[in-house]
Amino acid sequence: MVELFMILLGLSGGLIVGGALAAFVTLLEIIQRLVQISETPNHLKLYQNAYTLGAITFTLSYFYDFHIDFDSFLIGIIGLLMGTFTGIFSSALAEVLNVIPVMSKKLKLKNDSKLMIYALLFGKVAGSLYYWLIIK
């Protein structure tokens, strides 16, 4: 009886978190804004499919003991790609939430909001490379 309750609790918690994330991404139009920032409207389906495939892949890898050995060069490339995606994604999220325009006004960088986006992008790339090349 306790195991059934725990399974039900885990499934319902996962459904709630997954639904909240889907609503968050959909209502804020994160992927559409990412396409707009990168000026690649022809690739909207590619972004949506990559996001979905990544979520499914990493969910499955969380539940199964999954391990692949890569050499350092390939890990660097993977880290660079993951950092680039995370940086662009967080930049799109920050812009959707109007963080960048408000910070530009506060820091008196009226026409330099692209600098802030690039700073976020390169910061995420650097953090990802540090994680994948040094910590892992």
N, C-alpha and C. Protein backbone atom coordinates (compact mmCIF):
# COMPACT_ATOMS: atom_id res chain seq x y z
N MET A 1 0.82 -1.19 0.00
CA MET A 1 0.00 0.00 0.00
C MET A 1 0.86 1.26 0.00
N VAL A 2 1.94 1.24 0.77
CA VAL A 2 2.83 2.40 0.83
C VAL A 2 3.52 2.61 -0.52
N GLU A 3 3.92 1.51 -1.18
CA GLU A 3 4.58 1.63 -2.49
C GLU A 3 3.64 2.24 -3.53
N LEU A 4 2.38 1.84 -3.51
CA LEU A 4 1.39 2.38 -4.44
C LEU A 4 1.21 3.88 -4.20
N PHE A 5 1.15 4.26 -2.94
CA PHE A 5 1.03 5.69 -2.60
C PHE A 5 2.24 6.48 -3.08
N MET A 6 3.43 5.92 -2.90
CA MET A 6 4.65 6.61 -3.33
C MET A 6 4.70 6.74 -4.86
N ILE A 7 4.28 5.71 -5.58
CA ILE A 7 4.23 5.77 -7.04
C ILE A 7 3.25 6.84 -7.48
N LEU A 8 2.08 6.86 -6.87
CA LEU A 8 1.06 7.86 -7.21
C LEU A 8 1.55 9.27 -6.88
N LEU A 9 2.19 9.42 -5.76
CA LEU A 9 2.73 10.72 -5.36
C LEU A 9 3.82 11.19 -6.32
N GLY A 10 4.71 10.28 -6.71
CA GLY A 10 5.77 10.64 -7.66
C GLY A 10 5.24 11.01 -9.03
N LEU A 11 4.28 10.24 -9.53
CA LEU A 11 3.67 10.54 -10.83
C LEU A 11 2.92 11.87 -10.81
N SER A 12 2.16 12.10 -9.75
CA SER A 12 1.41 13.36 -9.70
C SER A 12 2.34 14.55 -9.56
N GLY A 13 3.40 14.41 -8.78
CA GLY A 13 4.38 15.49 -8.67
C GLY A 13 5.07 15.78 -9.99
N GLY A 14 5.42 14.72 -10.72
CA GLY A 14 6.05 14.89 -12.02
C GLY A 14 5.12 15.54 -13.02
N LEU A 15 3.85 15.15 -13.00
CA LEU A 15 2.87 15.76 -13.90
C LEU A 15 2.68 17.24 -13.58
N ILE A 16 2.66 17.58 -12.32
CA ILE A 16 2.49 18.98 -11.93
C ILE A 16 3.69 19.81 -12.37
N VAL A 17 4.88 19.32 -12.09
CA VAL A 17 6.08 20.07 -12.48
C VAL A 17 6.20 20.16 -14.00
N GLY A 18 5.94 19.06 -14.69
CA GLY A 18 5.99 19.07 -16.16
C GLY A 18 4.96 20.01 -16.76
N GLY A 19 3.76 19.98 -16.22
CA GLY A 19 2.71 20.89 -16.69
C GLY A 19 3.05 22.34 -16.43
N ALA A 20 3.62 22.62 -15.27
CA ALA A 20 4.02 23.99 -14.95
C ALA A 20 5.13 24.47 -15.88
N LEU A 21 6.10 23.60 -16.16
CA LEU A 21 7.17 23.98 -17.07
C LEU A 21 6.64 24.21 -18.48
N ALA A 22 5.75 23.33 -18.93
CA ALA A 22 5.16 23.50 -20.27
C ALA A 22 4.36 24.80 -20.34
N ALA A 23 3.59 25.09 -19.30
CA ALA A 23 2.82 26.33 -19.28
C ALA A 23 3.74 27.55 -19.26
N PHE A 24 4.81 27.45 -18.49
CA PHE A 24 5.78 28.54 -18.39
C PHE A 24 6.41 28.83 -19.76
N VAL A 25 6.87 27.78 -20.42
CA VAL A 25 7.52 27.95 -21.72
C VAL A 25 6.52 28.42 -22.77
N THR A 26 5.30 27.90 -22.71
CA THR A 26 4.28 28.25 -23.70
C THR A 26 3.74 29.66 -23.49
N LEU A 27 3.37 29.99 -22.27
CA LEU A 27 2.77 31.30 -22.01
C LEU A 27 3.75 32.45 -22.22
N LEU A 28 4.99 32.24 -21.87
CA LEU A 28 5.99 33.30 -22.07
C LEU A 28 6.57 33.29 -23.48
N GLU A 29 6.16 32.32 -24.28
CA GLU A 29 6.62 32.19 -25.66
C GLU A 29 8.15 32.22 -25.75
N ILE A 30 8.77 31.41 -24.91
CA ILE A 30 10.23 31.38 -24.81
C ILE A 30 10.85 30.96 -26.14
N ILE A 31 10.36 29.87 -26.71
CA ILE A 31 10.98 29.36 -27.94
C ILE A 31 10.75 30.33 -29.10
N GLN A 32 9.56 30.92 -29.17
CA GLN A 32 9.30 31.90 -30.23
C GLN A 32 10.22 33.11 -30.09
N ARG A 33 10.46 33.52 -28.87
CA ARG A 33 11.36 34.66 -28.64
C ARG A 33 12.80 34.29 -28.98
N LEU A 34 13.18 33.05 -28.68
CA LEU A 34 14.50 32.55 -29.04
C LEU A 34 14.69 32.59 -30.54
N VAL A 35 13.66 32.20 -31.28
CA VAL A 35 13.71 32.25 -32.74
C VAL A 35 13.82 33.70 -33.21
N GLN A 36 13.09 34.58 -32.57
CA GLN A 36 13.12 35.99 -32.95
C GLN A 36 14.49 36.62 -32.69
N ILE A 37 15.09 36.31 -31.55
CA ILE A 37 16.41 36.86 -31.22
C ILE A 37 17.47 36.34 -32.18
N SER A 38 17.41 35.05 -32.49
CA SER A 38 18.42 34.46 -33.37
C SER A 38 18.13 34.72 -34.85
N GLU A 39 16.97 35.35 -35.13
CA GLU A 39 16.57 35.69 -36.49
C GLU A 39 16.57 34.47 -37.42
N THR A 40 16.00 33.37 -36.92
CA THR A 40 15.89 32.13 -37.70
C THR A 40 14.46 31.61 -37.67
N PRO A 41 13.50 32.35 -38.26
CA PRO A 41 12.10 31.90 -38.19
C PRO A 41 11.83 30.61 -38.94
N ASN A 42 12.69 30.26 -39.88
CA ASN A 42 12.50 29.02 -40.64
C ASN A 42 12.74 27.78 -39.80
N HIS A 43 13.39 27.94 -38.66
CA HIS A 43 13.79 26.79 -37.86
C HIS A 43 12.97 26.64 -36.57
N LEU A 44 11.76 27.19 -36.53
CA LEU A 44 10.94 27.11 -35.33
C LEU A 44 10.67 25.66 -34.93
N LYS A 45 10.29 24.83 -35.88
CA LYS A 45 10.03 23.41 -35.58
C LYS A 45 11.29 22.71 -35.07
N LEU A 46 12.45 23.08 -35.60
CA LEU A 46 13.70 22.49 -35.14
C LEU A 46 13.95 22.83 -33.67
N TYR A 47 13.72 24.10 -33.29
CA TYR A 47 13.88 24.50 -31.89
C TYR A 47 12.90 23.75 -30.99
N GLN A 48 11.66 23.64 -31.43
CA GLN A 48 10.65 22.94 -30.63
C GLN A 48 10.99 21.46 -30.48
N ASN A 49 11.40 20.83 -31.57
CA ASN A 49 11.77 19.42 -31.51
C ASN A 49 13.02 19.19 -30.66
N ALA A 50 13.99 20.07 -30.77
CA ALA A 50 15.21 19.94 -29.96
C ALA A 50 14.90 20.10 -28.48
N TYR A 51 14.04 21.03 -28.15
CA TYR A 51 13.64 21.24 -26.75
C TYR A 51 12.94 19.99 -26.21
N THR A 52 11.99 19.47 -26.98
CA THR A 52 11.25 18.28 -26.55
C THR A 52 12.15 17.06 -26.46
N LEU A 53 12.98 16.85 -27.46
CA LEU A 53 13.88 15.70 -27.45
C LEU A 53 14.88 15.79 -26.30
N GLY A 54 15.38 16.97 -26.03
CA GLY A 54 16.29 17.15 -24.90
C GLY A 54 15.62 16.85 -23.58
N ALA A 55 14.38 17.31 -23.41
CA ALA A 55 13.66 17.05 -22.16
C ALA A 55 13.41 15.56 -21.98
N ILE A 56 13.01 14.89 -23.04
CA ILE A 56 12.75 13.44 -22.95
C ILE A 56 14.04 12.67 -22.69
N THR A 57 15.09 13.02 -23.42
CA THR A 57 16.37 12.32 -23.28
C THR A 57 16.92 12.44 -21.86
N PHE A 58 16.94 13.65 -21.32
CA PHE A 58 17.51 13.82 -20.00
C PHE A 58 16.60 13.32 -18.89
N THR A 59 15.31 13.25 -19.14
CA THR A 59 14.42 12.61 -18.18
C THR A 59 14.71 11.12 -18.11
N LEU A 60 14.86 10.49 -19.27
CA LEU A 60 15.18 9.06 -19.29
C LEU A 60 16.56 8.77 -18.71
N SER A 61 17.52 9.65 -19.00
CA SER A 61 18.86 9.42 -18.45
C SER A 61 18.89 9.62 -16.94
N TYR A 62 17.94 10.37 -16.41
CA TYR A 62 17.85 10.54 -14.96
C TYR A 62 17.39 9.24 -14.29
N PHE A 63 16.47 8.55 -14.93
CA PHE A 63 15.91 7.34 -14.33
C PHE A 63 16.77 6.10 -14.52
N TYR A 64 17.57 6.08 -15.57
CA TYR A 64 18.41 4.92 -15.84
C TYR A 64 19.86 5.28 -15.58
N ASP A 65 20.63 4.30 -15.12
CA ASP A 65 22.05 4.53 -14.88
C ASP A 65 22.75 4.54 -16.23
N PHE A 66 22.86 5.72 -16.80
CA PHE A 66 23.34 5.90 -18.16
C PHE A 66 24.68 6.61 -18.13
N HIS A 67 25.67 6.03 -18.79
CA HIS A 67 27.00 6.63 -18.76
C HIS A 67 27.70 6.36 -20.09
N ILE A 68 28.26 7.42 -20.67
CA ILE A 68 29.05 7.29 -21.90
C ILE A 68 30.38 7.99 -21.66
N ASP A 69 31.45 7.33 -22.00
CA ASP A 69 32.77 7.95 -21.88
C ASP A 69 33.14 8.67 -23.17
N PHE A 70 33.42 9.96 -23.05
CA PHE A 70 33.84 10.77 -24.19
C PHE A 70 35.25 11.29 -23.92
N ASP A 71 35.98 11.57 -24.98
CA ASP A 71 37.28 12.20 -24.78
C ASP A 71 37.07 13.70 -24.51
N SER A 72 38.11 14.35 -24.03
CA SER A 72 38.01 15.75 -23.59
C SER A 72 37.59 16.69 -24.72
N PHE A 73 38.05 16.45 -25.93
CA PHE A 73 37.70 17.33 -27.05
C PHE A 73 36.20 17.30 -27.32
N LEU A 74 35.62 16.10 -27.34
CA LEU A 74 34.19 15.97 -27.58
C LEU A 74 33.38 16.56 -26.43
N ILE A 75 33.85 16.38 -25.22
CA ILE A 75 33.18 16.97 -24.07
C ILE A 75 33.21 18.49 -24.17
N GLY A 76 34.31 19.05 -24.65
CA GLY A 76 34.40 20.49 -24.84
C GLY A 76 33.39 20.99 -25.86
N ILE A 77 33.22 20.25 -26.95
CA ILE A 77 32.24 20.64 -27.97
C ILE A 77 30.83 20.54 -27.41
N ILE A 78 30.54 19.46 -26.70
CA ILE A 78 29.21 19.30 -26.10
C ILE A 78 28.96 20.41 -25.09
N GLY A 79 29.95 20.72 -24.28
CA GLY A 79 29.81 21.80 -23.31
C GLY A 79 29.60 23.14 -23.98
N LEU A 80 30.31 23.39 -25.07
CA LEU A 80 30.13 24.64 -25.81
C LEU A 80 28.72 24.75 -26.37
N LEU A 81 28.22 23.67 -26.95
CA LEU A 81 26.87 23.69 -27.49
C LEU A 81 25.82 23.85 -26.39
N MET A 82 26.00 23.13 -25.29
CA MET A 82 25.05 23.25 -24.18
C MET A 82 25.10 24.64 -23.57
N GLY A 83 26.28 25.18 -23.43
CA GLY A 83 26.41 26.54 -22.89
C GLY A 83 25.81 27.58 -23.81
N THR A 84 26.00 27.40 -25.10
CA THR A 84 25.42 28.33 -26.07
C THR A 84 23.90 28.28 -26.00
N PHE A 85 23.34 27.08 -25.98
CA PHE A 85 21.89 26.95 -25.90
C PHE A 85 21.36 27.55 -24.60
N THR A 86 22.02 27.24 -23.49
CA THR A 86 21.56 27.76 -22.21
C THR A 86 21.66 29.28 -22.17
N GLY A 87 22.74 29.83 -22.73
CA GLY A 87 22.90 31.28 -22.76
C GLY A 87 21.84 31.95 -23.61
N ILE A 88 21.58 31.40 -24.78
CA ILE A 88 20.56 31.98 -25.65
C ILE A 88 19.18 31.82 -25.02
N PHE A 89 18.94 30.67 -24.44
CA PHE A 89 17.64 30.42 -23.81
C PHE A 89 17.41 31.34 -22.63
N SER A 90 18.43 31.51 -21.78
CA SER A 90 18.27 32.41 -20.63
C SER A 90 18.18 33.86 -21.07
N SER A 91 18.86 34.22 -22.15
CA SER A 91 18.73 35.58 -22.68
C SER A 91 17.32 35.83 -23.18
N ALA A 92 16.76 34.85 -23.88
CA ALA A 92 15.38 34.99 -24.36
C ALA A 92 14.42 35.09 -23.19
N LEU A 93 14.64 34.29 -22.16
CA LEU A 93 13.78 34.34 -20.98
C LEU A 93 13.90 35.69 -20.28
N ALA A 94 15.12 36.16 -20.12
CA ALA A 94 15.33 37.46 -19.47
C ALA A 94 14.69 38.58 -20.26
N GLU A 95 14.76 38.51 -21.56
CA GLU A 95 14.17 39.56 -22.38
C GLU A 95 12.65 39.48 -22.35
N VAL A 96 12.11 38.27 -22.35
CA VAL A 96 10.66 38.12 -22.28
C VAL A 96 10.15 38.69 -20.96
N LEU A 97 10.89 38.49 -19.92
CA LEU A 97 10.48 39.00 -18.60
C LEU A 97 10.87 40.46 -18.40
N ASN A 98 11.37 41.10 -19.44
CA ASN A 98 11.74 42.51 -19.42
C ASN A 98 12.85 42.83 -18.42
N VAL A 99 13.71 41.88 -18.15
CA VAL A 99 14.83 42.13 -17.26
C VAL A 99 15.88 42.99 -17.97
N ILE A 100 16.17 42.67 -19.21
CA ILE A 100 17.22 43.39 -19.93
C ILE A 100 16.86 44.85 -20.15
N PRO A 101 15.64 45.19 -20.59
CA PRO A 101 15.33 46.62 -20.73
C PRO A 101 15.40 47.39 -19.42
N VAL A 102 14.93 46.78 -18.34
CA VAL A 102 14.98 47.46 -17.04
C VAL A 102 16.43 47.65 -16.59
N MET A 103 17.25 46.60 -16.74
CA MET A 103 18.66 46.73 -16.35
C MET A 103 19.39 47.72 -17.24
N SER A 104 19.05 47.76 -18.52
CA SER A 104 19.67 48.74 -19.42
C SER A 104 19.36 50.16 -18.98
N LYS A 105 18.14 50.37 -18.55
CA LYS A 105 17.75 51.70 -18.08
C LYS A 105 18.46 52.06 -16.78
N LYS A 106 18.52 51.10 -15.86
CA LYS A 106 19.18 51.35 -14.57
C LYS A 106 20.68 51.59 -14.72
N LEU A 107 21.32 50.84 -15.63
CA LEU A 107 22.76 50.97 -15.84
C LEU A 107 23.11 52.02 -16.89
N LYS A 108 22.08 52.70 -17.40
CA LYS A 108 22.25 53.75 -18.41
C LYS A 108 22.95 53.23 -19.66
N LEU A 109 22.53 52.06 -20.11
CA LEU A 109 23.03 51.46 -21.35
C LEU A 109 21.88 51.40 -22.34
N LYS A 110 21.38 52.55 -22.75
CA LYS A 110 20.14 52.61 -23.52
C LYS A 110 20.19 51.81 -24.81
N ASN A 111 21.24 51.91 -25.57
CA ASN A 111 21.30 51.22 -26.86
C ASN A 111 22.24 50.01 -26.85
N ASP A 112 22.68 49.61 -25.68
CA ASP A 112 23.67 48.53 -25.59
C ASP A 112 23.09 47.27 -24.95
N SER A 113 21.80 47.00 -25.16
CA SER A 113 21.22 45.80 -24.56
C SER A 113 21.79 44.52 -25.19
N LYS A 114 22.28 44.65 -26.43
CA LYS A 114 22.91 43.47 -27.05
C LYS A 114 24.16 43.06 -26.28
N LEU A 115 24.86 44.03 -25.71
CA LEU A 115 26.04 43.71 -24.90
C LEU A 115 25.66 42.85 -23.70
N MET A 116 24.53 43.16 -23.08
CA MET A 116 24.08 42.37 -21.94
C MET A 116 23.70 40.96 -22.37
N ILE A 117 23.08 40.84 -23.53
CA ILE A 117 22.71 39.51 -24.03
C ILE A 117 23.96 38.69 -24.32
N TYR A 118 24.94 39.33 -24.95
CA TYR A 118 26.20 38.61 -25.23
C TYR A 118 26.93 38.26 -23.93
N ALA A 119 26.87 39.13 -22.93
CA ALA A 119 27.50 38.82 -21.65
C ALA A 119 26.86 37.60 -21.01
N LEU A 120 25.52 37.53 -21.06
CA LEU A 120 24.83 36.34 -20.55
C LEU A 120 25.22 35.09 -21.34
N LEU A 121 25.26 35.24 -22.65
CA LEU A 121 25.60 34.11 -23.51
C LEU A 121 27.00 33.59 -23.22
N PHE A 122 27.99 34.48 -23.21
CA PHE A 122 29.36 34.03 -23.00
C PHE A 122 29.59 33.55 -21.57
N GLY A 123 28.86 34.12 -20.62
CA GLY A 123 28.96 33.64 -19.24
C GLY A 123 28.45 32.22 -19.10
N LYS A 124 27.34 31.93 -19.75
CA LYS A 124 26.80 30.57 -19.70
C LYS A 124 27.72 29.58 -20.43
N VAL A 125 28.27 30.00 -21.55
CA VAL A 125 29.20 29.14 -22.28
C VAL A 125 30.43 28.85 -21.43
N ALA A 126 30.98 29.90 -20.82
CA ALA A 126 32.17 29.72 -19.97
C ALA A 126 31.87 28.80 -18.79
N GLY A 127 30.71 28.98 -18.17
CA GLY A 127 30.32 28.12 -17.06
C GLY A 127 30.14 26.68 -17.48
N SER A 128 29.55 26.48 -18.64
CA SER A 128 29.36 25.13 -19.15
C SER A 128 30.69 24.46 -19.48
N LEU A 129 31.57 25.20 -20.13
CA LEU A 129 32.89 24.65 -20.45
C LEU A 129 33.67 24.32 -19.18
N TYR A 130 33.60 25.20 -18.19
CA TYR A 130 34.27 24.94 -16.91
C TYR A 130 33.73 23.66 -16.27
N TYR A 131 32.41 23.50 -16.30
CA TYR A 131 31.81 22.30 -15.73
C TYR A 131 32.23 21.05 -16.47
N TRP A 132 32.13 21.05 -17.80
CA TRP A 132 32.39 19.85 -18.57
C TRP A 132 33.87 19.52 -18.70
N LEU A 133 34.74 20.52 -18.70
CA LEU A 133 36.16 20.24 -18.90
C LEU A 133 36.95 20.12 -17.59
N ILE A 134 36.55 20.85 -16.57
CA ILE A 134 37.35 20.86 -15.34
C ILE A 134 36.70 20.05 -14.23
N ILE A 135 35.43 20.27 -13.98
CA ILE A 135 34.78 19.59 -12.86
C ILE A 135 34.48 18.14 -13.19
N LYS A 136 33.89 17.88 -14.34
CA LYS A 136 33.50 16.50 -14.71
C LYS A 136 34.71 15.69 -14.90
